[in-house]
Amino acid sequence: MTAVVRILLRRVALLVPLMLGIVLFVFLVMRFSDVDPASAFFQGSNPTPQQLHDFRERGGLLDPLPVRYVHFVGGLLHGNLGTSALTRAPVVDQVTTALPLTLQLTFLGLGVAVVLALSGGVTAAVYRDRIPDQAIRVVSLIGVAAPGFWLALLMIQYLAVDRGWFPTGGYINPADSVTGWLKTMALPAFALSLPVAAQLTRIVRTSVVEELDKDYVRTAIGSGLPPLVVVGRNVLRNALVNPLTVLGLRVGYLLGGAVVIETIFSLPGMGKLMIDAVQNGDPAVVQGVVLTTATGFVVVNLLIDILYLLVNPRLRAA
C-alpha cells in the first residue's frame, strides 16, 4: 500500500508543473490574439481613446507581461477566471452553469463507449476469424472513419426528423424529467461516443486475443473452469491495460468533441458557451472554458492512472 501511495503522490506532484504550463500557454495565446479586451468591453458603443486607456490601466493590461501572468495565476488560485466583456458577469459563474451539462454528456458518452467497446471487443476476440468477429471489425472500422458531427447529423435526420423518436435538440434537466433528459441526451451521447467506441473495440479485441493465446488460459480451461469465468475473471482484467491507456487519451476527444456536438444539438454546455464567446469576441470566457476543459482532461488522466494501479499488479510492483 505504501508503494501505491508513493506512486499516486508522484502523479499528483507532476500535475503542478503541468497545470502551470497549461496556464502559461493559454495566457500567451490569448494575449497575442487579435481580440482586444478593451474593445470587446465597449462593444456596441464608441469609446474615446481615454476611456480605452483607463480601462486597460484599471485591468492591468498596460503592465509588463510577466506581471500580468503573476496576477493572472493569483486570480486563478482564488477562483477568479475574469469578467465577461459582454455580460459583465464573472466568467466562473457562466462556467459553473454550463459545466454540469458538459460533464453529463462526456461521462454518458464515456459510459456508452466503454460498454460498446467491451461487449464488441470481447465478442470479436472469443469468435475470432468467424462471422461475429468479421462483422464487428467491419462496423468498428466504419465507426473509426466516421466523424462525430456527421453521425450527429444522420441521427437527427433519420431518428429525430423522419421518425420523431428523439427531439432534434434542446435540453431537459433530469430534476424536471428523467425520461425527457434521457431523450435529449441519447443522440448527443451516441454521436459523441461511437468513434471512441469503435477505436476501443479494436484495441480490446487485440488485447483479449493476446491474452487468450497465453498458457495460463489454456491451463485454466483444461482444468475444467468454464471459459466464461476465465475470460471474465482473468483475461479481461489483464487485457484492460492497453485499452485504459487509449481511453485516457480519448477523454480529451470527448471533451473537445462536446463543443461541436453541443452546438449541433443546441445544448447549453461548455461547447456552446465557447462558440458563442468566440463569435461575440469575449476573450475572458474563451480563456475560462479552455482552462476548465484542460483541467478536466488532466484530472481524468489522473483517475486513469489510478485505474492502472487497480488492474495491473505488475505496475504496482514496479
C-alpha atoms as a PDB file:
ATOM      1  CA  MET A   1       0.000   0.000   0.000  1.00  0.00           C
ATOM      2  CA  THR A   2       2.902   2.349   0.733  1.00  0.00           C
ATOM      3  CA  ALA A   3       4.185   1.869  -2.814  1.00  0.00           C
ATOM      4  CA  VAL A   4       0.749   2.709  -4.214  1.00  0.00           C
ATOM      5  CA  VAL A   5       0.611   5.900  -2.138  1.00  0.00           C
ATOM      6  CA  ARG A   6       4.073   6.905  -3.350  1.00  0.00           C
ATOM      7  CA  ILE A   7       3.058   6.390  -6.974  1.00  0.00           C
ATOM      8  CA  LEU A   8      -0.097   8.475  -6.516  1.00  0.00           C
ATOM      9  CA  LEU A   9       1.834  11.247  -4.761  1.00  0.00           C
ATOM     10  CA  ARG A  10       4.304  11.362  -7.662  1.00  0.00           C
ATOM     11  CA  ARG A  11       1.417  11.611 -10.125  1.00  0.00           C
ATOM     12  CA  VAL A  12      -0.159  14.453  -8.147  1.00  0.00           C
ATOM     13  CA  ALA A  13       3.195  16.263  -7.830  1.00  0.00           C
ATOM     14  CA  LEU A  14       3.608  16.159 -11.615  1.00  0.00           C
ATOM     15  CA  LEU A  15       0.259  17.911 -12.017  1.00  0.00           C
ATOM     16  CA  VAL A  16       1.620  21.172 -10.580  1.00  0.00           C
ATOM     17  CA  PRO A  17       4.174  21.972 -13.340  1.00  0.00           C
ATOM     18  CA  LEU A  18       1.795  20.546 -15.939  1.00  0.00           C
ATOM     19  CA  MET A  19      -1.029  22.876 -14.899  1.00  0.00           C
ATOM     20  CA  LEU A  20       1.349  25.844 -14.726  1.00  0.00           C
ATOM     21  CA  GLY A  21       2.470  25.059 -18.272  1.00  0.00           C
ATOM     22  CA  ILE A  22      -1.144  24.861 -19.479  1.00  0.00           C
ATOM     23  CA  VAL A  23      -1.980  28.152 -17.798  1.00  0.00           C
ATOM     24  CA  LEU A  24       1.090  29.813 -19.335  1.00  0.00           C
ATOM     25  CA  PHE A  25       0.234  28.509 -22.802  1.00  0.00           C
ATOM     26  CA  VAL A  26      -3.386  29.695 -22.637  1.00  0.00           C
ATOM     27  CA  PHE A  27      -2.290  33.036 -21.193  1.00  0.00           C
ATOM     28  CA  LEU A  28       0.211  33.676 -24.005  1.00  0.00           C
ATOM     29  CA  VAL A  29      -2.165  32.559 -26.759  1.00  0.00           C
ATOM     30  CA  MET A  30      -4.916  34.843 -25.529  1.00  0.00           C
ATOM     31  CA  ARG A  31      -2.551  37.786 -25.022  1.00  0.00           C
ATOM     32  CA  PHE A  32      -1.185  37.529 -28.562  1.00  0.00           C
ATOM     33  CA  SER A  33      -4.620  37.140 -30.141  1.00  0.00           C
ATOM     34  CA  ASP A  34      -6.209  39.898 -32.200  1.00  0.00           C
ATOM     35  CA  VAL A  35      -9.086  40.358 -29.731  1.00  0.00           C
ATOM     36  CA  ASP A  36      -8.671  43.469 -27.597  1.00  0.00           C
ATOM     37  CA  PRO A  37     -10.382  43.095 -24.176  1.00  0.00           C
ATOM     38  CA  ALA A  38     -10.960  46.848 -24.004  1.00  0.00           C
ATOM     39  CA  SER A  39     -12.659  46.944 -27.411  1.00  0.00           C
ATOM     40  CA  ALA A  40     -14.712  43.882 -26.506  1.00  0.00           C
ATOM     41  CA  PHE A  41     -15.807  45.539 -23.255  1.00  0.00           C
ATOM     42  CA  PHE A  42     -17.062  48.631 -25.078  1.00  0.00           C
ATOM     43  CA  GLN A  43     -18.564  46.625 -27.936  1.00  0.00           C
ATOM     44  CA  GLY A  44     -21.653  48.356 -29.312  1.00  0.00           C
ATOM     45  CA  SER A  45     -20.538  51.831 -28.208  1.00  0.00           C
ATOM     46  CA  ASN A  46     -17.989  54.409 -29.348  1.00  0.00           C
ATOM     47  CA  PRO A  47     -15.458  54.765 -26.538  1.00  0.00           C
ATOM     48  CA  THR A  48     -12.958  57.566 -26.561  1.00  0.00           C
ATOM     49  CA  PRO A  49      -9.226  56.793 -26.556  1.00  0.00           C
ATOM     50  CA  GLN A  50      -9.105  57.997 -22.949  1.00  0.00           C
ATOM     51  CA  GLN A  51     -11.833  55.533 -21.934  1.00  0.00           C
ATOM     52  CA  LEU A  52      -9.937  52.680 -23.598  1.00  0.00           C
ATOM     53  CA  HIS A  53      -6.724  53.750 -21.866  1.00  0.00           C
ATOM     54  CA  ASP A  54      -8.444  53.980 -18.462  1.00  0.00           C
ATOM     55  CA  PHE A  55      -9.966  50.520 -18.910  1.00  0.00           C
ATOM     56  CA  ARG A  56      -6.602  48.987 -19.817  1.00  0.00           C
ATOM     57  CA  GLU A  57      -4.949  50.702 -16.873  1.00  0.00           C
ATOM     58  CA  ARG A  58      -7.608  49.524 -14.378  1.00  0.00           C
ATOM     59  CA  GLY A  59      -7.413  45.966 -15.707  1.00  0.00           C
ATOM     60  CA  GLY A  60      -3.613  45.850 -15.599  1.00  0.00           C
ATOM     61  CA  LEU A  61      -3.421  45.448 -19.384  1.00  0.00           C
ATOM     62  CA  LEU A  62      -0.607  48.006 -19.561  1.00  0.00           C
ATOM     63  CA  ASP A  63       1.598  46.107 -17.094  1.00  0.00           C
ATOM     64  CA  PRO A  64       4.573  44.066 -18.333  1.00  0.00           C
ATOM     65  CA  LEU A  65       3.654  40.566 -19.475  1.00  0.00           C
ATOM     66  CA  PRO A  66       5.351  38.723 -16.530  1.00  0.00           C
ATOM     67  CA  VAL A  67       3.474  40.911 -14.040  1.00  0.00           C
ATOM     68  CA  ARG A  68       0.187  40.213 -15.808  1.00  0.00           C
ATOM     69  CA  TYR A  69       0.911  36.486 -15.719  1.00  0.00           C
ATOM     70  CA  VAL A  70       1.570  36.544 -11.969  1.00  0.00           C
ATOM     71  CA  HIS A  71      -1.690  38.445 -11.397  1.00  0.00           C
ATOM     72  CA  PHE A  72      -3.485  36.015 -13.681  1.00  0.00           C
ATOM     73  CA  VAL A  73      -2.229  32.953 -11.768  1.00  0.00           C
ATOM     74  CA  GLY A  74      -3.061  34.655  -8.472  1.00  0.00           C
ATOM     75  CA  GLY A  75      -6.612  35.227  -9.669  1.00  0.00           C
ATOM     76  CA  LEU A  76      -6.937  31.585 -10.710  1.00  0.00           C
ATOM     77  CA  LEU A  77      -5.813  30.447  -7.259  1.00  0.00           C
ATOM     78  CA  HIS A  78      -8.688  32.474  -5.815  1.00  0.00           C
ATOM     79  CA  GLY A  79     -11.185  31.050  -8.325  1.00  0.00           C
ATOM     80  CA  ASN A  80     -11.237  34.186 -10.484  1.00  0.00           C
ATOM     81  CA  LEU A  81     -11.456  33.471 -14.222  1.00  0.00           C
ATOM     82  CA  GLY A  82     -12.052  37.098 -15.162  1.00  0.00           C
ATOM     83  CA  THR A  83     -15.141  39.035 -16.194  1.00  0.00           C
ATOM     84  CA  SER A  84     -17.167  38.617 -19.361  1.00  0.00           C
ATOM     85  CA  ALA A  85     -16.849  41.612 -21.674  1.00  0.00           C
ATOM     86  CA  LEU A  86     -20.429  41.214 -22.856  1.00  0.00           C
ATOM     87  CA  THR A  87     -22.466  40.278 -19.787  1.00  0.00           C
ATOM     88  CA  ARG A  88     -20.171  41.981 -17.221  1.00  0.00           C
ATOM     89  CA  ALA A  89     -20.660  38.832 -15.102  1.00  0.00           C
ATOM     90  CA  PRO A  90     -17.867  36.727 -13.598  1.00  0.00           C
ATOM     91  CA  VAL A  91     -16.741  34.017 -16.028  1.00  0.00           C
ATOM     92  CA  VAL A  92     -16.711  31.451 -13.222  1.00  0.00           C
ATOM     93  CA  ASP A  93     -20.497  31.851 -12.871  1.00  0.00           C
ATOM     94  CA  GLN A  94     -21.048  31.107 -16.563  1.00  0.00           C
ATOM     95  CA  VAL A  95     -18.649  28.145 -16.434  1.00  0.00           C
ATOM     96  CA  THR A  96     -20.295  26.613 -13.364  1.00  0.00           C
ATOM     97  CA  THR A  97     -23.675  26.947 -15.077  1.00  0.00           C
ATOM     98  CA  ALA A  98     -22.555  25.268 -18.323  1.00  0.00           C
ATOM     99  CA  LEU A  99     -20.101  22.707 -16.894  1.00  0.00           C
ATOM    100  CA  PRO A 100     -22.634  20.236 -15.390  1.00  0.00           C
ATOM    101  CA  LEU A 101     -24.251  19.623 -18.787  1.00  0.00           C
ATOM    102  CA  THR A 102     -20.894  19.044 -20.482  1.00  0.00           C
ATOM    103  CA  LEU A 103     -19.895  16.610 -17.728  1.00  0.00           C
ATOM    104  CA  GLN A 104     -23.195  14.779 -18.144  1.00  0.00           C
ATOM    105  CA  LEU A 105     -22.654  14.488 -21.887  1.00  0.00           C
ATOM    106  CA  THR A 106     -18.989  13.495 -21.566  1.00  0.00           C
ATOM    107  CA  PHE A 107     -19.441  10.790 -18.955  1.00  0.00           C
ATOM    108  CA  LEU A 108     -22.623   9.485 -20.548  1.00  0.00           C
ATOM    109  CA  GLY A 109     -20.728   9.200 -23.830  1.00  0.00           C
ATOM    110  CA  LEU A 110     -17.794   7.624 -21.996  1.00  0.00           C
ATOM    111  CA  GLY A 111     -20.079   5.027 -20.427  1.00  0.00           C
ATOM    112  CA  VAL A 112     -21.659   4.185 -23.785  1.00  0.00           C
ATOM    113  CA  ALA A 113     -18.221   3.884 -25.396  1.00  0.00           C
ATOM    114  CA  VAL A 114     -16.895   1.572 -22.667  1.00  0.00           C
ATOM    115  CA  VAL A 115     -19.957  -0.715 -22.762  1.00  0.00           C
ATOM    116  CA  LEU A 116     -19.917  -0.975 -26.559  1.00  0.00           C
ATOM    117  CA  ALA A 117     -16.142  -1.493 -26.691  1.00  0.00           C
ATOM    118  CA  LEU A 118     -16.045  -4.206 -24.029  1.00  0.00           C
ATOM    119  CA  SER A 119     -19.002  -6.138 -25.403  1.00  0.00           C
ATOM    120  CA  GLY A 120     -17.882  -5.823 -29.019  1.00  0.00           C
ATOM    121  CA  GLY A 121     -14.175  -6.373 -28.393  1.00  0.00           C
ATOM    122  CA  VAL A 122     -14.594  -9.427 -26.172  1.00  0.00           C
ATOM    123  CA  THR A 123     -17.162 -10.974 -28.523  1.00  0.00           C
ATOM    124  CA  ALA A 124     -14.885 -10.433 -31.521  1.00  0.00           C
ATOM    125  CA  ALA A 125     -11.925 -11.971 -29.660  1.00  0.00           C
ATOM    126  CA  VAL A 126     -13.848 -15.031 -28.493  1.00  0.00           C
ATOM    127  CA  TYR A 127     -15.229 -15.629 -32.003  1.00  0.00           C
ATOM    128  CA  ARG A 128     -12.080 -14.513 -33.821  1.00  0.00           C
ATOM    129  CA  ASP A 129     -11.890 -15.101 -37.544  1.00  0.00           C
ATOM    130  CA  ARG A 130     -15.544 -16.135 -37.567  1.00  0.00           C
ATOM    131  CA  ILE A 131     -18.647 -14.266 -38.705  1.00  0.00           C
ATOM    132  CA  PRO A 132     -19.220 -12.252 -35.467  1.00  0.00           C
ATOM    133  CA  ASP A 133     -15.592 -11.179 -35.454  1.00  0.00           C
ATOM    134  CA  GLN A 134     -15.630 -10.145 -39.112  1.00  0.00           C
ATOM    135  CA  ALA A 135     -18.878  -8.190 -38.680  1.00  0.00           C
ATOM    136  CA  ILE A 136     -17.649  -6.346 -35.580  1.00  0.00           C
ATOM    137  CA  ARG A 137     -14.337  -5.486 -37.258  1.00  0.00           C
ATOM    138  CA  VAL A 138     -16.111  -4.022 -40.290  1.00  0.00           C
ATOM    139  CA  VAL A 139     -18.502  -1.989 -38.132  1.00  0.00           C
ATOM    140  CA  SER A 140     -15.663  -0.709 -35.930  1.00  0.00           C
ATOM    141  CA  LEU A 141     -13.633   0.290 -38.980  1.00  0.00           C
ATOM    142  CA  ILE A 142     -16.582   2.318 -40.291  1.00  0.00           C
ATOM    143  CA  GLY A 143     -17.009   3.866 -36.833  1.00  0.00           C
ATOM    144  CA  VAL A 144     -13.358   4.935 -36.686  1.00  0.00           C
ATOM    145  CA  ALA A 145     -13.652   6.634 -40.079  1.00  0.00           C
ATOM    146  CA  ALA A 146     -16.986   8.362 -39.355  1.00  0.00           C
ATOM    147  CA  PRO A 147     -16.657  11.809 -37.691  1.00  0.00           C
ATOM    148  CA  GLY A 148     -18.929  12.570 -34.761  1.00  0.00           C
ATOM    149  CA  PHE A 149     -20.626  15.601 -36.319  1.00  0.00           C
ATOM    150  CA  TRP A 150     -21.569  13.535 -39.407  1.00  0.00           C
ATOM    151  CA  LEU A 151     -23.098  10.838 -37.215  1.00  0.00           C
ATOM    152  CA  ALA A 152     -24.954  13.541 -35.288  1.00  0.00           C
ATOM    153  CA  LEU A 153     -26.498  14.957 -38.465  1.00  0.00           C
ATOM    154  CA  LEU A 154     -27.513  11.463 -39.648  1.00  0.00           C
ATOM    155  CA  MET A 155     -29.129  10.690 -36.302  1.00  0.00           C
ATOM    156  CA  ILE A 156     -31.054  13.952 -36.321  1.00  0.00           C
ATOM    157  CA  GLN A 157     -32.323  13.304 -39.844  1.00  0.00           C
ATOM    158  CA  TYR A 158     -33.327   9.631 -39.503  1.00  0.00           C
ATOM    159  CA  LEU A 159     -34.178   9.254 -35.816  1.00  0.00           C
ATOM    160  CA  ALA A 160     -35.474  12.709 -34.900  1.00  0.00           C
ATOM    161  CA  VAL A 161     -36.891  14.327 -38.048  1.00  0.00           C
ATOM    162  CA  ASP A 162     -38.104  11.302 -40.029  1.00  0.00           C
ATOM    163  CA  ARG A 163     -39.305   9.067 -37.174  1.00  0.00           C
ATOM    164  CA  GLY A 164     -39.712  11.502 -34.285  1.00  0.00           C
ATOM    165  CA  TRP A 165     -38.251   9.099 -31.733  1.00  0.00           C
ATOM    166  CA  PHE A 166     -35.985  11.773 -30.235  1.00  0.00           C
ATOM    167  CA  PRO A 167     -36.021  15.576 -30.117  1.00  0.00           C
ATOM    168  CA  THR A 168     -33.823  17.397 -32.636  1.00  0.00           C
ATOM    169  CA  GLY A 169     -32.179  19.445 -29.904  1.00  0.00           C
ATOM    170  CA  GLY A 170     -32.624  21.237 -26.611  1.00  0.00           C
ATOM    171  CA  TYR A 171     -32.084  20.114 -23.045  1.00  0.00           C
ATOM    172  CA  ILE A 172     -34.347  18.953 -20.208  1.00  0.00           C
ATOM    173  CA  ASN A 173     -32.964  18.961 -16.677  1.00  0.00           C
ATOM    174  CA  PRO A 174     -33.051  15.496 -15.057  1.00  0.00           C
ATOM    175  CA  ALA A 175     -34.588  17.111 -11.967  1.00  0.00           C
ATOM    176  CA  ASP A 176     -37.625  18.015 -14.093  1.00  0.00           C
ATOM    177  CA  SER A 177     -37.935  14.760 -16.062  1.00  0.00           C
ATOM    178  CA  VAL A 178     -35.538  11.823 -16.163  1.00  0.00           C
ATOM    179  CA  THR A 179     -37.229  10.438 -19.271  1.00  0.00           C
ATOM    180  CA  GLY A 180     -37.010  13.795 -21.015  1.00  0.00           C
ATOM    181  CA  TRP A 181     -33.353  14.109 -20.008  1.00  0.00           C
ATOM    182  CA  LEU A 182     -32.557  10.696 -21.468  1.00  0.00           C
ATOM    183  CA  LYS A 183     -34.310  11.576 -24.727  1.00  0.00           C
ATOM    184  CA  THR A 184     -32.429  14.857 -25.117  1.00  0.00           C
ATOM    185  CA  MET A 185     -29.063  13.294 -24.210  1.00  0.00           C
ATOM    186  CA  ALA A 186     -29.331   9.974 -26.072  1.00  0.00           C
ATOM    187  CA  LEU A 187     -28.448  11.149 -29.573  1.00  0.00           C
ATOM    188  CA  PRO A 188     -25.652  13.535 -28.475  1.00  0.00           C
ATOM    189  CA  ALA A 189     -24.100  10.833 -26.278  1.00  0.00           C
ATOM    190  CA  PHE A 190     -24.155   8.224 -29.045  1.00  0.00           C
ATOM    191  CA  ALA A 191     -22.841  10.657 -31.663  1.00  0.00           C
ATOM    192  CA  LEU A 192     -20.001  11.610 -29.320  1.00  0.00           C
ATOM    193  CA  SER A 193     -19.151   8.087 -28.195  1.00  0.00           C
ATOM    194  CA  LEU A 194     -19.375   5.943 -31.339  1.00  0.00           C
ATOM    195  CA  PRO A 195     -15.967   6.932 -32.843  1.00  0.00           C
ATOM    196  CA  VAL A 196     -14.308   6.308 -29.462  1.00  0.00           C
ATOM    197  CA  ALA A 197     -16.180   3.021 -29.012  1.00  0.00           C
ATOM    198  CA  ALA A 198     -15.086   1.860 -32.470  1.00  0.00           C
ATOM    199  CA  GLN A 199     -11.419   2.545 -31.749  1.00  0.00           C
ATOM    200  CA  LEU A 200     -11.572   0.952 -28.294  1.00  0.00           C
ATOM    201  CA  THR A 201     -13.326  -2.116 -29.696  1.00  0.00           C
ATOM    202  CA  ARG A 202     -10.394  -2.856 -31.979  1.00  0.00           C
ATOM    203  CA  ILE A 203      -7.901  -2.394 -29.135  1.00  0.00           C
ATOM    204  CA  VAL A 204      -9.926  -4.530 -26.698  1.00  0.00           C
ATOM    205  CA  ARG A 205     -10.153  -7.287 -29.306  1.00  0.00           C
ATOM    206  CA  THR A 206      -6.394  -7.263 -29.885  1.00  0.00           C
ATOM    207  CA  SER A 207      -5.611  -7.300 -26.157  1.00  0.00           C
ATOM    208  CA  VAL A 208      -8.067 -10.089 -25.386  1.00  0.00           C
ATOM    209  CA  VAL A 209      -6.771 -12.208 -28.304  1.00  0.00           C
ATOM    210  CA  GLU A 210      -3.217 -11.879 -26.965  1.00  0.00           C
ATOM    211  CA  GLU A 211      -4.353 -12.985 -23.505  1.00  0.00           C
ATOM    212  CA  LEU A 212      -6.381 -15.920 -24.854  1.00  0.00           C
ATOM    213  CA  ASP A 213      -3.254 -17.299 -26.516  1.00  0.00           C
ATOM    214  CA  LYS A 214      -1.311 -17.451 -23.244  1.00  0.00           C
ATOM    215  CA  ASP A 215      -0.607 -20.670 -21.396  1.00  0.00           C
ATOM    216  CA  TYR A 216      -2.493 -19.825 -18.205  1.00  0.00           C
ATOM    217  CA  VAL A 217      -5.762 -19.544 -20.149  1.00  0.00           C
ATOM    218  CA  ARG A 218      -5.341 -22.986 -21.727  1.00  0.00           C
ATOM    219  CA  THR A 219      -4.384 -24.418 -18.339  1.00  0.00           C
ATOM    220  CA  ALA A 220      -7.411 -22.892 -16.610  1.00  0.00           C
ATOM    221  CA  ILE A 221      -9.846 -24.097 -19.268  1.00  0.00           C
ATOM    222  CA  GLY A 222      -8.160 -27.524 -19.366  1.00  0.00           C
ATOM    223  CA  SER A 223      -8.581 -27.864 -15.607  1.00  0.00           C
ATOM    224  CA  GLY A 224     -12.349 -27.580 -16.008  1.00  0.00           C
ATOM    225  CA  LEU A 225     -13.059 -23.892 -15.380  1.00  0.00           C
ATOM    226  CA  PRO A 226     -15.855 -22.524 -17.603  1.00  0.00           C
ATOM    227  CA  PRO A 227     -14.441 -20.333 -20.410  1.00  0.00           C
ATOM    228  CA  LEU A 228     -16.814 -17.516 -19.440  1.00  0.00           C
ATOM    229  CA  VAL A 229     -15.365 -17.454 -15.917  1.00  0.00           C
ATOM    230  CA  VAL A 230     -11.790 -17.465 -17.208  1.00  0.00           C
ATOM    231  CA  VAL A 231     -12.475 -14.614 -19.632  1.00  0.00           C
ATOM    232  CA  GLY A 232     -14.390 -12.518 -17.121  1.00  0.00           C
ATOM    233  CA  ARG A 233     -12.155 -13.053 -14.102  1.00  0.00           C
ATOM    234  CA  ASN A 234      -8.646 -13.261 -15.579  1.00  0.00           C
ATOM    235  CA  VAL A 235      -8.398 -12.489 -19.274  1.00  0.00           C
ATOM    236  CA  LEU A 236     -10.430  -9.299 -19.284  1.00  0.00           C
ATOM    237  CA  ARG A 237      -8.642  -7.825 -16.277  1.00  0.00           C
ATOM    238  CA  ASN A 238      -5.204  -8.496 -17.741  1.00  0.00           C
ATOM    239  CA  ALA A 239      -6.281  -7.195 -21.140  1.00  0.00           C
ATOM    240  CA  LEU A 240      -7.594  -3.850 -19.868  1.00  0.00           C
ATOM    241  CA  VAL A 241      -4.217  -2.117 -19.512  1.00  0.00           C
ATOM    242  CA  ASN A 242      -3.793  -1.106 -23.171  1.00  0.00           C
ATOM    243  CA  PRO A 243      -7.454  -0.026 -23.627  1.00  0.00           C
ATOM    244  CA  LEU A 244      -7.178   2.108 -20.487  1.00  0.00           C
ATOM    245  CA  THR A 245      -4.185   3.892 -21.990  1.00  0.00           C
ATOM    246  CA  VAL A 246      -6.142   4.771 -25.108  1.00  0.00           C
ATOM    247  CA  LEU A 247      -9.242   5.626 -23.075  1.00  0.00           C
ATOM    248  CA  GLY A 248      -7.292   8.219 -21.105  1.00  0.00           C
ATOM    249  CA  LEU A 249      -6.158   9.860 -24.325  1.00  0.00           C
ATOM    250  CA  ARG A 250      -9.621   9.724 -25.884  1.00  0.00           C
ATOM    251  CA  VAL A 251     -11.207  11.564 -22.952  1.00  0.00           C
ATOM    252  CA  GLY A 252      -9.685  14.684 -24.488  1.00  0.00           C
ATOM    253  CA  TYR A 253     -11.543  13.868 -27.690  1.00  0.00           C
ATOM    254  CA  LEU A 254     -14.787  13.502 -25.753  1.00  0.00           C
ATOM    255  CA  LEU A 255     -14.323  16.862 -24.028  1.00  0.00           C
ATOM    256  CA  GLY A 256     -13.300  18.574 -27.263  1.00  0.00           C
ATOM    257  CA  GLY A 257     -15.957  16.815 -29.325  1.00  0.00           C
ATOM    258  CA  ALA A 258     -18.612  18.054 -26.924  1.00  0.00           C
ATOM    259  CA  VAL A 259     -18.002  21.550 -28.345  1.00  0.00           C
ATOM    260  CA  VAL A 260     -19.286  20.515 -31.772  1.00  0.00           C
ATOM    261  CA  ILE A 261     -21.973  18.112 -30.533  1.00  0.00           C
ATOM    262  CA  GLU A 262     -23.446  20.657 -28.117  1.00  0.00           C
ATOM    263  CA  THR A 263     -23.633  23.222 -30.908  1.00  0.00           C
ATOM    264  CA  ILE A 264     -25.391  20.795 -33.266  1.00  0.00           C
ATOM    265  CA  PHE A 265     -27.962  19.755 -30.655  1.00  0.00           C
ATOM    266  CA  SER A 266     -28.343  23.245 -29.102  1.00  0.00           C
ATOM    267  CA  LEU A 267     -27.208  22.075 -25.671  1.00  0.00           C
ATOM    268  CA  PRO A 268     -26.285  24.936 -23.306  1.00  0.00           C
ATOM    269  CA  GLY A 269     -22.967  23.458 -22.198  1.00  0.00           C
ATOM    270  CA  MET A 270     -19.325  24.477 -22.297  1.00  0.00           C
ATOM    271  CA  GLY A 271     -19.054  23.943 -26.044  1.00  0.00           C
ATOM    272  CA  LYS A 272     -21.901  26.275 -26.897  1.00  0.00           C
ATOM    273  CA  LEU A 273     -20.586  28.785 -24.343  1.00  0.00           C
ATOM    274  CA  MET A 274     -17.184  28.850 -26.050  1.00  0.00           C
ATOM    275  CA  ILE A 275     -18.620  29.047 -29.578  1.00  0.00           C
ATOM    276  CA  ASP A 276     -20.801  31.997 -28.563  1.00  0.00           C
ATOM    277  CA  ALA A 277     -17.820  33.665 -26.873  1.00  0.00           C
ATOM    278  CA  VAL A 278     -15.640  33.257 -29.976  1.00  0.00           C
ATOM    279  CA  GLN A 279     -18.362  34.637 -32.252  1.00  0.00           C
ATOM    280  CA  ASN A 280     -19.052  37.585 -29.935  1.00  0.00           C
ATOM    281  CA  GLY A 281     -15.394  38.373 -29.233  1.00  0.00           C
ATOM    282  CA  ASP A 282     -15.389  37.630 -25.497  1.00  0.00           C
ATOM    283  CA  PRO A 283     -11.797  36.540 -24.722  1.00  0.00           C
ATOM    284  CA  ALA A 284     -12.259  36.073 -20.969  1.00  0.00           C
ATOM    285  CA  VAL A 285     -14.983  33.461 -21.477  1.00  0.00           C
ATOM    286  CA  VAL A 286     -12.939  31.616 -24.131  1.00  0.00           C
ATOM    287  CA  GLN A 287      -9.976  31.584 -21.768  1.00  0.00           C
ATOM    288  CA  GLY A 288     -12.085  30.291 -18.868  1.00  0.00           C
ATOM    289  CA  VAL A 289     -13.638  27.495 -20.926  1.00  0.00           C
ATOM    290  CA  VAL A 290     -10.262  26.347 -22.304  1.00  0.00           C
ATOM    291  CA  LEU A 291      -8.651  26.294 -18.853  1.00  0.00           C
ATOM    292  CA  THR A 292     -11.579  24.405 -17.323  1.00  0.00           C
ATOM    293  CA  THR A 293     -11.557  21.842 -20.134  1.00  0.00           C
ATOM    294  CA  ALA A 294      -7.787  21.358 -19.855  1.00  0.00           C
ATOM    295  CA  THR A 295      -8.076  20.909 -16.085  1.00  0.00           C
ATOM    296  CA  GLY A 296     -10.785  18.302 -16.583  1.00  0.00           C
ATOM    297  CA  PHE A 297      -8.593  16.423 -19.050  1.00  0.00           C
ATOM    298  CA  VAL A 298      -5.689  16.367 -16.574  1.00  0.00           C
ATOM    299  CA  VAL A 299      -7.890  15.201 -13.685  1.00  0.00           C
ATOM    300  CA  VAL A 300      -9.451  12.411 -15.757  1.00  0.00           C
ATOM    301  CA  ASN A 301      -5.999  11.175 -16.779  1.00  0.00           C
ATOM    302  CA  LEU A 302      -5.043  11.076 -13.111  1.00  0.00           C
ATOM    303  CA  LEU A 303      -8.072   8.867 -12.494  1.00  0.00           C
ATOM    304  CA  ILE A 304      -6.940   6.651 -15.380  1.00  0.00           C
ATOM    305  CA  ASP A 305      -3.534   6.320 -13.694  1.00  0.00           C
ATOM    306  CA  ILE A 306      -5.303   5.142 -10.539  1.00  0.00           C
ATOM    307  CA  LEU A 307      -7.192   2.562 -12.584  1.00  0.00           C
ATOM    308  CA  TYR A 308      -3.842   1.349 -13.957  1.00  0.00           C
ATOM    309  CA  LEU A 309      -2.791   0.539 -10.420  1.00  0.00           C
ATOM    310  CA  LEU A 310      -6.024  -1.309  -9.717  1.00  0.00           C
ATOM    311  CA  VAL A 311      -5.997  -3.542 -12.794  1.00  0.00           C
ATOM    312  CA  ASN A 312      -2.245  -4.115 -13.182  1.00  0.00           C
ATOM    313  CA  PRO A 313      -0.461  -5.622 -10.139  1.00  0.00           C
ATOM    314  CA  ARG A 314       2.842  -5.658 -12.069  1.00  0.00           C
ATOM    315  CA  LEU A 315       2.715  -1.867 -12.325  1.00  0.00           C
ATOM    316  CA  ARG A 316       2.299  -1.596  -8.572  1.00  0.00           C
ATOM    317  CA  ALA A 317       5.237  -3.961  -8.034  1.00  0.00           C
ATOM    318  CA  ALA A 318       7.431  -1.948 -10.400  1.00  0.00           C
END
